[in-house]
């Protein structure tokens, strides 16, 4: 039986405890509100079995989430992302 690690207890971009799991070749679902920071950390794990779940609430930088990046900062880190109803929010350069 295969196991999949998930970072539901903390933000994967801020808590590196998932890294030994992935280094051991195990799959993981990494949850973050800071996809740019997490993607920077994923470079050494190229080819690993990783799913990034990026939560972008629209409250980044506000009094509700002062330590979370603003929407544009997060969305621009994710090429090919989709907005509400599938409308493109960012187009990677050709």
C-alpha atoms as a PDB file:
ATOM      1  CA  UNK A   1       0.000   0.000   0.000  1.00  0.00           C
ATOM      2  CA  UNK A   2       1.399   3.385  -1.019  1.00  0.00           C
ATOM      3  CA  UNK A   3       1.262   6.373   1.278  1.00  0.00           C
ATOM      4  CA  UNK A   4       1.031  10.000   0.213  1.00  0.00           C
ATOM      5  CA  UNK A   5       2.331  12.776   2.457  1.00  0.00           C
ATOM      6  CA  UNK A   6       0.262  15.929   2.849  1.00  0.00           C
ATOM      7  CA  UNK A   7       1.160  19.217   4.522  1.00  0.00           C
ATOM      8  CA  UNK A   8      -2.239  19.977   5.999  1.00  0.00           C
ATOM      9  CA  UNK A   9      -0.852  21.022   9.395  1.00  0.00           C
ATOM     10  CA  UNK A  10       1.283  23.904   8.160  1.00  0.00           C
ATOM     11  CA  UNK A  11       2.233  25.834   5.034  1.00  0.00           C
ATOM     12  CA  UNK A  12       4.754  23.834   2.992  1.00  0.00           C
ATOM     13  CA  UNK A  13       6.545  27.027   1.905  1.00  0.00           C
ATOM     14  CA  UNK A  14       7.270  27.887   5.534  1.00  0.00           C
ATOM     15  CA  UNK A  15       7.766  24.431   7.066  1.00  0.00           C
ATOM     16  CA  UNK A  16      10.393  22.155   5.442  1.00  0.00           C
ATOM     17  CA  UNK A  17       9.398  18.951   7.276  1.00  0.00           C
ATOM     18  CA  UNK A  18       8.029  17.533   3.986  1.00  0.00           C
ATOM     19  CA  UNK A  19      11.472  17.561   2.318  1.00  0.00           C
ATOM     20  CA  UNK A  20      12.903  14.294   3.767  1.00  0.00           C
ATOM     21  CA  UNK A  21       9.695  12.508   2.720  1.00  0.00           C
ATOM     22  CA  UNK A  22      10.063  13.692  -0.879  1.00  0.00           C
ATOM     23  CA  UNK A  23      13.843  13.059  -0.894  1.00  0.00           C
ATOM     24  CA  UNK A  24      13.009   9.445  -0.038  1.00  0.00           C
ATOM     25  CA  UNK A  25      11.041   9.248  -3.315  1.00  0.00           C
ATOM     26  CA  UNK A  26       7.601   9.318  -1.718  1.00  0.00           C
ATOM     27  CA  UNK A  27       4.709  11.311  -3.234  1.00  0.00           C
ATOM     28  CA  UNK A  28       3.392  14.416  -1.509  1.00  0.00           C
ATOM     29  CA  UNK A  29       0.650  17.019  -1.721  1.00  0.00           C
ATOM     30  CA  UNK A  30       2.135  20.337  -0.636  1.00  0.00           C
ATOM     31  CA  UNK A  31      -0.366  22.962   0.523  1.00  0.00           C
ATOM     32  CA  UNK A  32       0.642  26.618   0.543  1.00  0.00           C
ATOM     33  CA  UNK A  33      -0.612  30.182   0.413  1.00  0.00           C
ATOM     34  CA  UNK A  34       2.778  31.289  -0.937  1.00  0.00           C
ATOM     35  CA  UNK A  35       3.328  29.380  -4.197  1.00  0.00           C
ATOM     36  CA  UNK A  36       6.257  31.542  -5.340  1.00  0.00           C
ATOM     37  CA  UNK A  37       8.273  30.701  -2.219  1.00  0.00           C
ATOM     38  CA  UNK A  38       7.368  27.009  -2.418  1.00  0.00           C
ATOM     39  CA  UNK A  39       8.240  26.734  -6.117  1.00  0.00           C
ATOM     40  CA  UNK A  40      11.685  28.178  -5.364  1.00  0.00           C
ATOM     41  CA  UNK A  41      12.211  25.357  -2.859  1.00  0.00           C
ATOM     42  CA  UNK A  42      11.075  22.670  -5.316  1.00  0.00           C
ATOM     43  CA  UNK A  43      13.955  23.123  -7.789  1.00  0.00           C
ATOM     44  CA  UNK A  44      16.082  20.302  -6.275  1.00  0.00           C
ATOM     45  CA  UNK A  45      13.085  17.953  -6.391  1.00  0.00           C
ATOM     46  CA  UNK A  46      12.613  18.051 -10.171  1.00  0.00           C
ATOM     47  CA  UNK A  47      10.937  14.841 -11.270  1.00  0.00           C
ATOM     48  CA  UNK A  48       9.504  14.101  -7.832  1.00  0.00           C
ATOM     49  CA  UNK A  49       5.913  13.037  -7.334  1.00  0.00           C
ATOM     50  CA  UNK A  50       4.575  16.332  -6.002  1.00  0.00           C
ATOM     51  CA  UNK A  51       1.224  18.077  -6.280  1.00  0.00           C
ATOM     52  CA  UNK A  52       1.162  21.738  -5.233  1.00  0.00           C
ATOM     53  CA  UNK A  53      -2.153  22.903  -3.805  1.00  0.00           C
ATOM     54  CA  UNK A  54      -1.960  26.704  -3.835  1.00  0.00           C
ATOM     55  CA  UNK A  55      -4.709  28.490  -1.936  1.00  0.00           C
ATOM     56  CA  UNK A  56      -5.171  32.081  -3.112  1.00  0.00           C
ATOM     57  CA  UNK A  57      -7.995  33.660  -1.126  1.00  0.00           C
ATOM     58  CA  UNK A  58      -7.875  37.282  -2.252  1.00  0.00           C
ATOM     59  CA  UNK A  59      -7.079  38.351   1.300  1.00  0.00           C
ATOM     60  CA  UNK A  60      -3.281  38.330   0.945  1.00  0.00           C
ATOM     61  CA  UNK A  61      -1.655  41.428   2.397  1.00  0.00           C
ATOM     62  CA  UNK A  62      -4.867  42.440   4.175  1.00  0.00           C
ATOM     63  CA  UNK A  63      -5.576  42.610   7.890  1.00  0.00           C
ATOM     64  CA  UNK A  64      -6.992  39.071   7.600  1.00  0.00           C
ATOM     65  CA  UNK A  65      -3.805  37.579   6.079  1.00  0.00           C
ATOM     66  CA  UNK A  66      -1.000  40.106   6.554  1.00  0.00           C
ATOM     67  CA  UNK A  67       1.812  37.547   6.018  1.00  0.00           C
ATOM     68  CA  UNK A  68       0.290  36.083   2.841  1.00  0.00           C
ATOM     69  CA  UNK A  69       1.370  37.490  -0.560  1.00  0.00           C
ATOM     70  CA  UNK A  70      -1.130  39.488  -2.604  1.00  0.00           C
ATOM     71  CA  UNK A  71      -2.992  37.754  -5.445  1.00  0.00           C
ATOM     72  CA  UNK A  72      -0.881  39.031  -8.342  1.00  0.00           C
ATOM     73  CA  UNK A  73       2.333  37.975  -6.629  1.00  0.00           C
ATOM     74  CA  UNK A  74       1.002  34.447  -6.163  1.00  0.00           C
ATOM     75  CA  UNK A  75      -0.725  34.067  -9.536  1.00  0.00           C
ATOM     76  CA  UNK A  76       2.303  35.258 -11.498  1.00  0.00           C
ATOM     77  CA  UNK A  77       4.318  32.455  -9.901  1.00  0.00           C
ATOM     78  CA  UNK A  78       1.970  29.889 -11.449  1.00  0.00           C
ATOM     79  CA  UNK A  79       2.149  29.886 -15.251  1.00  0.00           C
ATOM     80  CA  UNK A  80      -1.022  28.802 -16.976  1.00  0.00           C
ATOM     81  CA  UNK A  81      -3.255  29.328 -13.946  1.00  0.00           C
ATOM     82  CA  UNK A  82      -6.973  29.858 -14.280  1.00  0.00           C
ATOM     83  CA  UNK A  83      -9.227  32.334 -12.538  1.00  0.00           C
ATOM     84  CA  UNK A  84     -12.943  32.187 -11.803  1.00  0.00           C
ATOM     85  CA  UNK A  85     -14.871  30.073 -14.309  1.00  0.00           C
ATOM     86  CA  UNK A  86     -11.660  29.046 -16.053  1.00  0.00           C
ATOM     87  CA  UNK A  87     -10.752  32.515 -17.374  1.00  0.00           C
ATOM     88  CA  UNK A  88      -6.978  32.743 -17.943  1.00  0.00           C
ATOM     89  CA  UNK A  89      -5.289  34.908 -15.321  1.00  0.00           C
ATOM     90  CA  UNK A  90      -1.731  34.608 -16.551  1.00  0.00           C
ATOM     91  CA  UNK A  91      -0.259  33.618 -19.866  1.00  0.00           C
ATOM     92  CA  UNK A  92       3.322  32.374 -19.914  1.00  0.00           C
ATOM     93  CA  UNK A  93       5.537  33.890 -22.597  1.00  0.00           C
ATOM     94  CA  UNK A  94       5.799  31.894 -25.846  1.00  0.00           C
END
